[in-house]
Amino acid sequence: MKLVGFTYFNFAGPNDFVALVRGGSEVATGKGLAGFLRPSTSVAVVPLGVKVVNFQVTERSQDGQQVTVVGELAVSYVPEMREKFDFSVFRENGQYRNDPTAEIEDQVRIAVRNPLRVTLATMTLDQLATNGVAQLEEVLSTEVADKSSQLMRRLQANEIAVQSASVQSALPSDNKVAAAFGAEQREDLLAKQDKAVADRRQKAAESDRSIREFEEATALKLVKKQAQRVDEEGKNVVKRAEAEATAEAARLAVFEGMEPGAVLAQAVWKAAGSGIDRLSIDPALLAAIRSAE
C-alpha cells in the first residue's frame, strides 16, 4: 500500500524483530513493527526463535577410513545477527532480498567440522562402532557449553547463539565397509537381547511356579483345616452322645434291682406328680401290672 510516496509495511510476525534503517542508521527497532515507511527507509527482519541446523561432516578415522557424521545444532536467532548477516526485506512484500539462512547454516557446519575432525582422528572403526555416536555428541555438547571453545568463538563472532548439539549417526562412507560396520557389536547386542528374553521367560516361569506352589499350599492348608474341623465336630458329637448316655445311665441306675411292680409304681407316681388330673386305667395297663407281680 502506498500513500503519497509512503509504503505501508505490515509483514512482520509478533516474534519477528524489525529494524527500520534510514540514512545508514536505525531509527526504530522492536518486535512486529508495522506502519507507513518513507521512501528512504529500509527494513530488516530477524525471525527470533530456535532453528535446527542439520550438518553432515565427512572426515577420516584413526585407521584411515572415511566416516560421515550426521547431526544437528539448535541455533537461536537473535537481533544482533543482523549486524553480520543481511536480513533486509522488500518493503512491498516482506520477502528477503538475500535470504541469510544458507549462509548462517554454512557457518554452523564449518564450526562443527574441526572438533569432529580432531575426535575422529583419535578413533578406530571398532571404537566408533562401540560408542562413537555418544562420544562425538559429548564432544560437541562440551564445545557448545564452553563459551571459550573454538567452535563457540567462531559462532559468537557471527552473533550465532547455540542451544544444544546432537549426533544421529557416524558411519563409514564406503558402503561395503558400512555394511559390515559394527557387525560384532550387533551380534553382541543380539546375544544380550536373546539372553535378556530368556532370563525374562525363566523369571516368569519361576514366578508362575511360585504362584502355583503358593496356591497349592494354600489349598492344602484349607483341606487340612476342614479335615480338622470335621474331626473336631465328630469328636464333639461322640462326646455329646457319651454324655447323654452317661446321664441316662445315671437316671436308670435308680431303678436297678427294683421289682418290676415297684418300677411301674414309681412311674405312675412320677406321672401323678407331674400334675395329671385324671388317670385312666385301661386293660393294657392292668395287664402290665399283673405281669409285673
C-alpha atoms as a PDB file:
ATOM      1  CA  MET A   1       0.000   0.000   0.000  1.00  0.00           C
ATOM      2  CA  LYS A   2       1.349   3.417  -0.935  1.00  0.00           C
ATOM      3  CA  LEU A   3       0.263   6.879   0.214  1.00  0.00           C
ATOM      4  CA  VAL A   4       1.937   9.968  -1.264  1.00  0.00           C
ATOM      5  CA  GLY A   5       5.263   8.183  -1.616  1.00  0.00           C
ATOM      6  CA  PHE A   6       4.914   6.267   1.654  1.00  0.00           C
ATOM      7  CA  THR A   7       4.712   2.455   1.831  1.00  0.00           C
ATOM      8  CA  TYR A   8       2.698   0.646   4.474  1.00  0.00           C
ATOM      9  CA  PHE A   9       4.712  -2.231   5.952  1.00  0.00           C
ATOM     10  CA  ASN A  10       2.878  -4.953   7.872  1.00  0.00           C
ATOM     11  CA  PHE A  11       4.696  -8.196   7.065  1.00  0.00           C
ATOM     12  CA  ALA A  12       6.456  -8.974  10.366  1.00  0.00           C
ATOM     13  CA  GLY A  13       5.094 -11.546  12.800  1.00  0.00           C
ATOM     14  CA  PRO A  14       4.725 -10.843  16.525  1.00  0.00           C
ATOM     15  CA  ASN A  15       8.026 -12.625  17.253  1.00  0.00           C
ATOM     16  CA  ASP A  16       9.963 -11.079  14.370  1.00  0.00           C
ATOM     17  CA  PHE A  17      12.493  -8.418  15.294  1.00  0.00           C
ATOM     18  CA  VAL A  18      12.160  -5.451  12.930  1.00  0.00           C
ATOM     19  CA  ALA A  19      14.776  -2.761  12.389  1.00  0.00           C
ATOM     20  CA  LEU A  20      13.945   0.370  10.354  1.00  0.00           C
ATOM     21  CA  VAL A  21      17.015   1.963   8.811  1.00  0.00           C
ATOM     22  CA  ARG A  22      17.291   5.416   7.268  1.00  0.00           C
ATOM     23  CA  GLY A  23      20.463   7.079   6.112  1.00  0.00           C
ATOM     24  CA  GLY A  24      22.561   4.188   7.425  1.00  0.00           C
ATOM     25  CA  SER A  25      21.179   4.500  10.964  1.00  0.00           C
ATOM     26  CA  GLU A  26      18.451   2.573  12.729  1.00  0.00           C
ATOM     27  CA  VAL A  27      15.530   4.844  13.502  1.00  0.00           C
ATOM     28  CA  ALA A  28      13.251   2.256  15.147  1.00  0.00           C
ATOM     29  CA  THR A  29      13.505  -1.345  16.358  1.00  0.00           C
ATOM     30  CA  GLY A  30      11.146  -3.802  18.008  1.00  0.00           C
ATOM     31  CA  LYS A  31       9.012  -6.899  17.587  1.00  0.00           C
ATOM     32  CA  GLY A  32       6.342  -6.883  14.926  1.00  0.00           C
ATOM     33  CA  LEU A  33       6.740  -3.246  13.949  1.00  0.00           C
ATOM     34  CA  ALA A  34       4.318  -2.008  11.285  1.00  0.00           C
ATOM     35  CA  GLY A  35       3.387   1.336   9.760  1.00  0.00           C
ATOM     36  CA  PHE A  36       3.976   3.753   6.899  1.00  0.00           C
ATOM     37  CA  LEU A  37       7.576   3.984   5.703  1.00  0.00           C
ATOM     38  CA  ARG A  38       9.289   6.810   3.936  1.00  0.00           C
ATOM     39  CA  PRO A  39      10.816   6.074   0.545  1.00  0.00           C
ATOM     40  CA  SER A  40      14.295   6.318   2.108  1.00  0.00           C
ATOM     41  CA  THR A  41      13.537   3.794   4.891  1.00  0.00           C
ATOM     42  CA  SER A  42      14.748   0.196   4.559  1.00  0.00           C
ATOM     43  CA  VAL A  43      13.614  -2.754   6.679  1.00  0.00           C
ATOM     44  CA  ALA A  44      15.467  -5.724   8.239  1.00  0.00           C
ATOM     45  CA  VAL A  45      13.555  -8.608   9.833  1.00  0.00           C
ATOM     46  CA  VAL A  46      15.144 -11.228  12.100  1.00  0.00           C
ATOM     47  CA  PRO A  47      12.825 -14.212  12.818  1.00  0.00           C
ATOM     48  CA  LEU A  48      13.535 -14.748  16.502  1.00  0.00           C
ATOM     49  CA  GLY A  49      13.457 -18.258  17.908  1.00  0.00           C
ATOM     50  CA  VAL A  50      15.310 -21.565  17.726  1.00  0.00           C
ATOM     51  CA  LYS A  51      16.162 -23.039  14.330  1.00  0.00           C
ATOM     52  CA  VAL A  52      17.554 -26.522  13.784  1.00  0.00           C
ATOM     53  CA  VAL A  53      20.617 -26.669  11.538  1.00  0.00           C
ATOM     54  CA  ASN A  54      21.452 -30.124  10.172  1.00  0.00           C
ATOM     55  CA  PHE A  55      25.043 -30.969   9.351  1.00  0.00           C
ATOM     56  CA  GLN A  56      26.908 -33.777   7.613  1.00  0.00           C
ATOM     57  CA  VAL A  57      30.676 -33.941   8.060  1.00  0.00           C
ATOM     58  CA  THR A  58      32.995 -36.477   6.425  1.00  0.00           C
ATOM     59  CA  GLU A  59      36.453 -36.994   7.950  1.00  0.00           C
ATOM     60  CA  ARG A  60      38.966 -39.828   8.415  1.00  0.00           C
ATOM     61  CA  SER A  61      39.241 -42.125  11.416  1.00  0.00           C
ATOM     62  CA  GLN A  62      42.499 -43.143  13.068  1.00  0.00           C
ATOM     63  CA  ASP A  63      42.731 -46.221  10.833  1.00  0.00           C
ATOM     64  CA  GLY A  64      42.276 -44.140   7.656  1.00  0.00           C
ATOM     65  CA  GLN A  65      38.606 -44.869   6.965  1.00  0.00           C
ATOM     66  CA  GLN A  66      36.309 -42.083   5.802  1.00  0.00           C
ATOM     67  CA  VAL A  67      33.483 -41.578   8.271  1.00  0.00           C
ATOM     68  CA  THR A  68      30.348 -39.497   7.740  1.00  0.00           C
ATOM     69  CA  VAL A  69      28.863 -37.891  10.838  1.00  0.00           C
ATOM     70  CA  VAL A  70      25.253 -36.681  10.744  1.00  0.00           C
ATOM     71  CA  GLY A  71      23.771 -34.460  13.422  1.00  0.00           C
ATOM     72  CA  GLU A  72      22.170 -31.133  14.219  1.00  0.00           C
ATOM     73  CA  LEU A  73      22.606 -27.948  16.222  1.00  0.00           C
ATOM     74  CA  ALA A  74      19.786 -25.936  17.736  1.00  0.00           C
ATOM     75  CA  VAL A  75      20.608 -22.292  16.902  1.00  0.00           C
ATOM     76  CA  SER A  76      18.921 -19.234  18.405  1.00  0.00           C
ATOM     77  CA  TYR A  77      18.227 -16.339  16.066  1.00  0.00           C
ATOM     78  CA  VAL A  78      18.858 -13.120  17.975  1.00  0.00           C
ATOM     79  CA  PRO A  79      18.547  -9.429  16.933  1.00  0.00           C
ATOM     80  CA  GLU A  80      22.351  -8.992  16.941  1.00  0.00           C
ATOM     81  CA  MET A  81      22.644 -11.354  13.949  1.00  0.00           C
ATOM     82  CA  ARG A  82      21.526  -8.527  11.641  1.00  0.00           C
ATOM     83  CA  GLU A  83      24.965  -6.977  12.194  1.00  0.00           C
ATOM     84  CA  LYS A  84      26.627  -9.976  10.488  1.00  0.00           C
ATOM     85  CA  PHE A  85      24.013 -11.169   8.009  1.00  0.00           C
ATOM     86  CA  ASP A  86      21.732  -9.441   5.542  1.00  0.00           C
ATOM     87  CA  PHE A  87      18.172  -9.648   6.887  1.00  0.00           C
ATOM     88  CA  SER A  88      16.867  -6.824   4.695  1.00  0.00           C
ATOM     89  CA  VAL A  89      13.473  -7.364   3.084  1.00  0.00           C
ATOM     90  CA  PHE A  90      11.452  -5.790   0.313  1.00  0.00           C
ATOM     91  CA  ARG A  91       9.134  -3.245   1.832  1.00  0.00           C
ATOM     92  CA  GLU A  92       6.357  -4.121  -0.565  1.00  0.00           C
ATOM     93  CA  ASN A  93       6.015  -7.832   0.375  1.00  0.00           C
ATOM     94  CA  GLY A  94       8.355  -8.585   3.297  1.00  0.00           C
ATOM     95  CA  GLN A  95      10.413 -11.103   1.298  1.00  0.00           C
ATOM     96  CA  TYR A  96      14.169 -11.300   1.925  1.00  0.00           C
ATOM     97  CA  ARG A  97      16.355  -9.617  -0.626  1.00  0.00           C
ATOM     98  CA  ASN A  98      19.041 -12.243   0.014  1.00  0.00           C
ATOM     99  CA  ASP A  99      17.868 -14.973   2.399  1.00  0.00           C
ATOM    100  CA  PRO A 100      20.656 -15.328   5.006  1.00  0.00           C
ATOM    101  CA  THR A 101      19.565 -18.801   6.150  1.00  0.00           C
ATOM    102  CA  ALA A 102      22.001 -20.709   3.912  1.00  0.00           C
ATOM    103  CA  GLU A 103      24.927 -18.516   4.938  1.00  0.00           C
ATOM    104  CA  ILE A 104      24.139 -18.958   8.636  1.00  0.00           C
ATOM    105  CA  GLU A 105      23.881 -22.733   8.270  1.00  0.00           C
ATOM    106  CA  ASP A 106      27.202 -22.802   6.398  1.00  0.00           C
ATOM    107  CA  GLN A 107      28.873 -21.007   9.305  1.00  0.00           C
ATOM    108  CA  VAL A 108      27.445 -23.583  11.720  1.00  0.00           C
ATOM    109  CA  ARG A 109      28.642 -26.514   9.609  1.00  0.00           C
ATOM    110  CA  ILE A 110      32.113 -25.018   9.286  1.00  0.00           C
ATOM    111  CA  ALA A 111      32.280 -24.540  13.066  1.00  0.00           C
ATOM    112  CA  VAL A 112      31.388 -28.156  13.911  1.00  0.00           C
ATOM    113  CA  ARG A 113      33.822 -29.668  11.411  1.00  0.00           C
ATOM    114  CA  ASN A 114      37.015 -29.044  13.405  1.00  0.00           C
ATOM    115  CA  PRO A 115      36.058 -30.725  16.719  1.00  0.00           C
ATOM    116  CA  LEU A 116      34.622 -33.677  14.786  1.00  0.00           C
ATOM    117  CA  ARG A 117      37.781 -33.974  12.696  1.00  0.00           C
ATOM    118  CA  VAL A 118      40.014 -33.935  15.774  1.00  0.00           C
ATOM    119  CA  THR A 119      37.898 -36.521  17.606  1.00  0.00           C
ATOM    120  CA  LEU A 120      37.573 -38.910  14.648  1.00  0.00           C
ATOM    121  CA  ALA A 121      41.333 -38.842  14.152  1.00  0.00           C
ATOM    122  CA  THR A 122      41.715 -40.489  17.572  1.00  0.00           C
ATOM    123  CA  MET A 123      39.126 -43.246  16.999  1.00  0.00           C
ATOM    124  CA  THR A 124      39.302 -46.546  15.141  1.00  0.00           C
ATOM    125  CA  LEU A 125      36.277 -48.055  13.427  1.00  0.00           C
ATOM    126  CA  ASP A 126      35.959 -50.557  16.273  1.00  0.00           C
ATOM    127  CA  GLN A 127      35.840 -47.757  18.812  1.00  0.00           C
ATOM    128  CA  LEU A 128      33.432 -45.857  16.623  1.00  0.00           C
ATOM    129  CA  ALA A 129      31.138 -48.890  16.427  1.00  0.00           C
ATOM    130  CA  THR A 130      31.204 -49.348  20.195  1.00  0.00           C
ATOM    131  CA  ASN A 131      30.298 -45.855  21.408  1.00  0.00           C
ATOM    132  CA  GLY A 132      31.257 -43.469  18.622  1.00  0.00           C
ATOM    133  CA  VAL A 133      27.960 -41.599  18.374  1.00  0.00           C
ATOM    134  CA  ALA A 134      27.798 -40.971  22.114  1.00  0.00           C
ATOM    135  CA  GLN A 135      31.426 -39.849  22.238  1.00  0.00           C
ATOM    136  CA  LEU A 136      31.063 -37.457  19.292  1.00  0.00           C
ATOM    137  CA  GLU A 137      27.877 -35.980  20.748  1.00  0.00           C
ATOM    138  CA  GLU A 138      29.595 -35.495  24.093  1.00  0.00           C
ATOM    139  CA  VAL A 139      32.445 -33.647  22.368  1.00  0.00           C
ATOM    140  CA  LEU A 140      30.051 -31.299  20.575  1.00  0.00           C
ATOM    141  CA  SER A 141      27.950 -30.752  23.707  1.00  0.00           C
ATOM    142  CA  THR A 142      31.088 -29.870  25.669  1.00  0.00           C
ATOM    143  CA  GLU A 143      32.180 -27.440  22.946  1.00  0.00           C
ATOM    144  CA  VAL A 144      28.762 -25.782  22.922  1.00  0.00           C
ATOM    145  CA  ALA A 145      28.715 -25.440  26.712  1.00  0.00           C
ATOM    146  CA  ASP A 146      32.170 -23.859  26.763  1.00  0.00           C
ATOM    147  CA  LYS A 147      31.911 -20.246  25.564  1.00  0.00           C
ATOM    148  CA  SER A 148      35.687 -20.115  25.133  1.00  0.00           C
ATOM    149  CA  SER A 149      35.860 -23.167  22.843  1.00  0.00           C
ATOM    150  CA  GLN A 150      36.984 -22.732  19.241  1.00  0.00           C
ATOM    151  CA  LEU A 151      33.516 -23.721  17.980  1.00  0.00           C
ATOM    152  CA  MET A 152      31.729 -21.134  20.134  1.00  0.00           C
ATOM    153  CA  ARG A 153      34.267 -18.396  19.450  1.00  0.00           C
ATOM    154  CA  ARG A 154      33.686 -18.822  15.732  1.00  0.00           C
ATOM    155  CA  LEU A 155      29.916 -18.789  16.088  1.00  0.00           C
ATOM    156  CA  GLN A 156      29.917 -15.895  18.543  1.00  0.00           C
ATOM    157  CA  ALA A 157      31.994 -13.912  16.079  1.00  0.00           C
ATOM    158  CA  ASN A 158      28.975 -14.188  13.785  1.00  0.00           C
ATOM    159  CA  GLU A 159      26.496 -13.491  16.597  1.00  0.00           C
ATOM    160  CA  ILE A 160      25.200 -17.068  16.344  1.00  0.00           C
ATOM    161  CA  ALA A 161      23.908 -18.456  19.641  1.00  0.00           C
ATOM    162  CA  VAL A 162      23.721 -22.255  20.073  1.00  0.00           C
ATOM    163  CA  GLN A 163      21.366 -24.053  22.457  1.00  0.00           C
ATOM    164  CA  SER A 164      22.354 -27.689  22.008  1.00  0.00           C
ATOM    165  CA  ALA A 165      24.055 -30.222  19.748  1.00  0.00           C
ATOM    166  CA  SER A 166      23.324 -33.843  18.905  1.00  0.00           C
ATOM    167  CA  VAL A 167      24.722 -36.602  16.685  1.00  0.00           C
ATOM    168  CA  GLN A 168      22.397 -39.078  14.987  1.00  0.00           C
ATOM    169  CA  SER A 169      24.904 -41.352  13.252  1.00  0.00           C
ATOM    170  CA  ALA A 170      28.579 -41.889  12.492  1.00  0.00           C
ATOM    171  CA  LEU A 171      29.134 -44.452   9.712  1.00  0.00           C
ATOM    172  CA  PRO A 172      31.880 -45.354   7.246  1.00  0.00           C
ATOM    173  CA  SER A 173      31.372 -43.572   3.941  1.00  0.00           C
ATOM    174  CA  ASP A 174      32.188 -46.729   1.970  1.00  0.00           C
ATOM    175  CA  ASN A 175      29.007 -48.747   1.537  1.00  0.00           C
ATOM    176  CA  LYS A 176      30.753 -52.122   1.798  1.00  0.00           C
ATOM    177  CA  VAL A 177      32.561 -51.113   4.958  1.00  0.00           C
ATOM    178  CA  ALA A 178      29.358 -49.605   6.328  1.00  0.00           C
ATOM    179  CA  ALA A 179      27.522 -52.888   5.683  1.00  0.00           C
ATOM    180  CA  ALA A 180      29.997 -54.769   7.869  1.00  0.00           C
ATOM    181  CA  PHE A 181      30.387 -51.881  10.325  1.00  0.00           C
ATOM    182  CA  GLY A 182      29.515 -52.847  13.862  1.00  0.00           C
ATOM    183  CA  ALA A 183      28.694 -56.469  12.928  1.00  0.00           C
ATOM    184  CA  GLU A 184      30.444 -57.798  16.037  1.00  0.00           C
ATOM    185  CA  GLN A 185      28.728 -55.229  18.219  1.00  0.00           C
ATOM    186  CA  ARG A 186      25.378 -56.087  16.671  1.00  0.00           C
ATOM    187  CA  GLU A 187      25.965 -59.775  17.333  1.00  0.00           C
ATOM    188  CA  ASP A 188      26.857 -58.997  20.939  1.00  0.00           C
ATOM    189  CA  LEU A 189      23.761 -56.845  21.249  1.00  0.00           C
ATOM    190  CA  LEU A 190      21.540 -59.552  19.758  1.00  0.00           C
ATOM    191  CA  ALA A 191      23.095 -62.116  22.091  1.00  0.00           C
ATOM    192  CA  LYS A 192      22.415 -59.850  25.053  1.00  0.00           C
ATOM    193  CA  GLN A 193      18.858 -59.319  23.865  1.00  0.00           C
ATOM    194  CA  ASP A 194      18.334 -63.065  23.472  1.00  0.00           C
ATOM    195  CA  LYS A 195      19.752 -63.650  26.941  1.00  0.00           C
ATOM    196  CA  ALA A 196      17.528 -60.943  28.365  1.00  0.00           C
ATOM    197  CA  VAL A 197      14.480 -62.541  26.734  1.00  0.00           C
ATOM    198  CA  ALA A 198      15.479 -65.978  28.049  1.00  0.00           C
ATOM    199  CA  ASP A 199      16.062 -64.552  31.531  1.00  0.00           C
ATOM    200  CA  ARG A 200      12.671 -62.855  31.489  1.00  0.00           C
ATOM    201  CA  ARG A 201      10.991 -66.074  30.415  1.00  0.00           C
ATOM    202  CA  GLN A 202      12.806 -68.051  33.116  1.00  0.00           C
ATOM    203  CA  LYS A 203      11.849 -65.498  35.757  1.00  0.00           C
ATOM    204  CA  ALA A 204       8.270 -65.571  34.506  1.00  0.00           C
ATOM    205  CA  ALA A 205       8.242 -69.369  34.699  1.00  0.00           C
ATOM    206  CA  GLU A 206       9.743 -69.286  38.203  1.00  0.00           C
ATOM    207  CA  SER A 207       7.195 -66.701  39.240  1.00  0.00           C
ATOM    208  CA  ASP A 208       4.366 -68.776  37.776  1.00  0.00           C
ATOM    209  CA  ARG A 209       5.665 -71.877  39.537  1.00  0.00           C
ATOM    210  CA  SER A 210       5.919 -69.990  42.807  1.00  0.00           C
ATOM    211  CA  ILE A 211       2.330 -68.779  42.395  1.00  0.00           C
ATOM    212  CA  ARG A 212       1.100 -72.302  41.678  1.00  0.00           C
ATOM    213  CA  GLU A 213       3.002 -73.702  44.667  1.00  0.00           C
ATOM    214  CA  PHE A 214       1.553 -70.989  46.874  1.00  0.00           C
ATOM    215  CA  GLU A 215      -1.960 -71.703  45.623  1.00  0.00           C
ATOM    216  CA  GLU A 216      -1.488 -75.462  46.124  1.00  0.00           C
ATOM    217  CA  ALA A 217      -0.064 -74.940  49.619  1.00  0.00           C
ATOM    218  CA  THR A 218      -2.972 -72.645  50.468  1.00  0.00           C
ATOM    219  CA  ALA A 219      -5.489 -75.189  49.141  1.00  0.00           C
ATOM    220  CA  LEU A 220      -3.784 -77.965  51.155  1.00  0.00           C
ATOM    221  CA  LYS A 221      -3.943 -75.855  54.293  1.00  0.00           C
ATOM    222  CA  LEU A 222      -7.643 -75.279  53.706  1.00  0.00           C
ATOM    223  CA  VAL A 223      -8.236 -79.021  53.235  1.00  0.00           C
ATOM    224  CA  LYS A 224      -6.328 -79.778  56.426  1.00  0.00           C
ATOM    225  CA  LYS A 225      -8.289 -77.173  58.336  1.00  0.00           C
ATOM    226  CA  GLN A 226     -11.557 -78.583  57.006  1.00  0.00           C
ATOM    227  CA  ALA A 227     -10.477 -82.094  57.964  1.00  0.00           C
ATOM    228  CA  GLN A 228      -9.527 -80.897  61.422  1.00  0.00           C
ATOM    229  CA  ARG A 229     -12.874 -79.128  61.752  1.00  0.00           C
ATOM    230  CA  VAL A 230     -14.774 -82.269  60.681  1.00  0.00           C
ATOM    231  CA  ASP A 231     -12.681 -84.340  63.089  1.00  0.00           C
ATOM    232  CA  GLU A 232     -13.392 -81.932  65.929  1.00  0.00           C
ATOM    233  CA  GLU A 233     -17.080 -81.897  65.095  1.00  0.00           C
ATOM    234  CA  GLY A 234     -17.102 -85.723  65.117  1.00  0.00           C
ATOM    235  CA  LYS A 235     -15.355 -85.783  68.464  1.00  0.00           C
ATOM    236  CA  ASN A 236     -17.872 -83.295  69.804  1.00  0.00           C
ATOM    237  CA  VAL A 237     -20.781 -85.460  68.590  1.00  0.00           C
ATOM    238  CA  VAL A 238     -19.228 -88.507  70.270  1.00  0.00           C
ATOM    239  CA  LYS A 239     -18.666 -86.570  73.460  1.00  0.00           C
ATOM    240  CA  ARG A 240     -22.255 -85.330  73.477  1.00  0.00           C
ATOM    241  CA  ALA A 241     -23.535 -88.888  72.856  1.00  0.00           C
ATOM    242  CA  GLU A 242     -21.321 -90.251  75.624  1.00  0.00           C
ATOM    243  CA  ALA A 243     -22.502 -87.523  77.972  1.00  0.00           C
ATOM    244  CA  GLU A 244     -26.137 -88.227  77.153  1.00  0.00           C
ATOM    245  CA  ALA A 245     -25.573 -91.973  77.622  1.00  0.00           C
ATOM    246  CA  THR A 246     -23.884 -91.367  80.971  1.00  0.00           C
ATOM    247  CA  ALA A 247     -26.729 -89.134  82.096  1.00  0.00           C
ATOM    248  CA  GLU A 248     -29.320 -91.683  81.007  1.00  0.00           C
ATOM    249  CA  ALA A 249     -27.422 -94.450  82.762  1.00  0.00           C
ATOM    250  CA  ALA A 250     -27.403 -92.342  85.918  1.00  0.00           C
ATOM    251  CA  ARG A 251     -31.115 -91.801  85.656  1.00  0.00           C
ATOM    252  CA  LEU A 252     -31.766 -95.541  85.174  1.00  0.00           C
ATOM    253  CA  ALA A 253     -29.374 -96.525  87.949  1.00  0.00           C
ATOM    254  CA  VAL A 254     -32.085 -95.518  90.461  1.00  0.00           C
ATOM    255  CA  PHE A 255     -34.273 -98.365  89.224  1.00  0.00           C
ATOM    256  CA  GLU A 256     -31.524-101.004  89.247  1.00  0.00           C
ATOM    257  CA  GLY A 257     -32.541-104.002  91.436  1.00  0.00           C
ATOM    258  CA  MET A 258     -36.096-102.825  91.894  1.00  0.00           C
ATOM    259  CA  GLU A 259     -39.003-105.154  91.334  1.00  0.00           C
ATOM    260  CA  PRO A 260     -40.933-104.555  88.110  1.00  0.00           C
ATOM    261  CA  GLY A 261     -44.035-103.650  90.047  1.00  0.00           C
ATOM    262  CA  ALA A 262     -42.127-101.144  92.075  1.00  0.00           C
ATOM    263  CA  VAL A 263     -40.697 -99.642  88.923  1.00  0.00           C
ATOM    264  CA  LEU A 264     -44.179 -99.380  87.471  1.00  0.00           C
ATOM    265  CA  ALA A 265     -45.478 -97.886  90.648  1.00  0.00           C
ATOM    266  CA  GLN A 266     -42.628 -95.380  90.595  1.00  0.00           C
ATOM    267  CA  ALA A 267     -43.555 -94.425  87.051  1.00  0.00           C
ATOM    268  CA  VAL A 268     -47.208 -93.962  87.971  1.00  0.00           C
ATOM    269  CA  TRP A 269     -46.246 -91.932  90.993  1.00  0.00           C
ATOM    270  CA  LYS A 270     -43.976 -89.722  88.930  1.00  0.00           C
ATOM    271  CA  ALA A 271     -46.690 -89.239  86.348  1.00  0.00           C
ATOM    272  CA  ALA A 272     -49.152 -88.302  89.068  1.00  0.00           C
ATOM    273  CA  GLY A 273     -46.661 -85.814  90.423  1.00  0.00           C
ATOM    274  CA  SER A 274     -46.451 -84.104  87.086  1.00  0.00           C
ATOM    275  CA  GLY A 275     -49.924 -82.605  87.546  1.00  0.00           C
ATOM    276  CA  ILE A 276     -52.186 -85.194  85.928  1.00  0.00           C
ATOM    277  CA  ASP A 277     -55.794 -84.561  86.953  1.00  0.00           C
ATOM    278  CA  ARG A 278     -57.176 -87.824  85.735  1.00  0.00           C
ATOM    279  CA  LEU A 279     -55.740 -91.292  85.264  1.00  0.00           C
ATOM    280  CA  SER A 280     -57.493 -93.761  83.017  1.00  0.00           C
ATOM    281  CA  ILE A 281     -56.697 -97.394  83.629  1.00  0.00           C
ATOM    282  CA  ASP A 282     -57.233 -99.463  80.553  1.00  0.00           C
ATOM    283  CA  PRO A 283     -56.874-103.220  80.140  1.00  0.00           C
ATOM    284  CA  ALA A 284     -53.345-102.886  78.812  1.00  0.00           C
ATOM    285  CA  LEU A 285     -52.183-101.122  81.977  1.00  0.00           C
ATOM    286  CA  LEU A 286     -53.820-103.774  84.168  1.00  0.00           C
ATOM    287  CA  ALA A 287     -52.158-106.488  82.117  1.00  0.00           C
ATOM    288  CA  ALA A 288     -48.820-104.825  82.667  1.00  0.00           C
ATOM    289  CA  ILE A 289     -49.378-104.594  86.403  1.00  0.00           C
ATOM    290  CA  ARG A 290     -50.303-108.261  86.591  1.00  0.00           C
ATOM    291  CA  SER A 291     -47.282-109.315  84.610  1.00  0.00           C
ATOM    292  CA  ALA A 292     -45.071-107.218  86.884  1.00  0.00           C
ATOM    293  CA  GLU A 293     -46.223-109.129  90.008  1.00  0.00           C
END
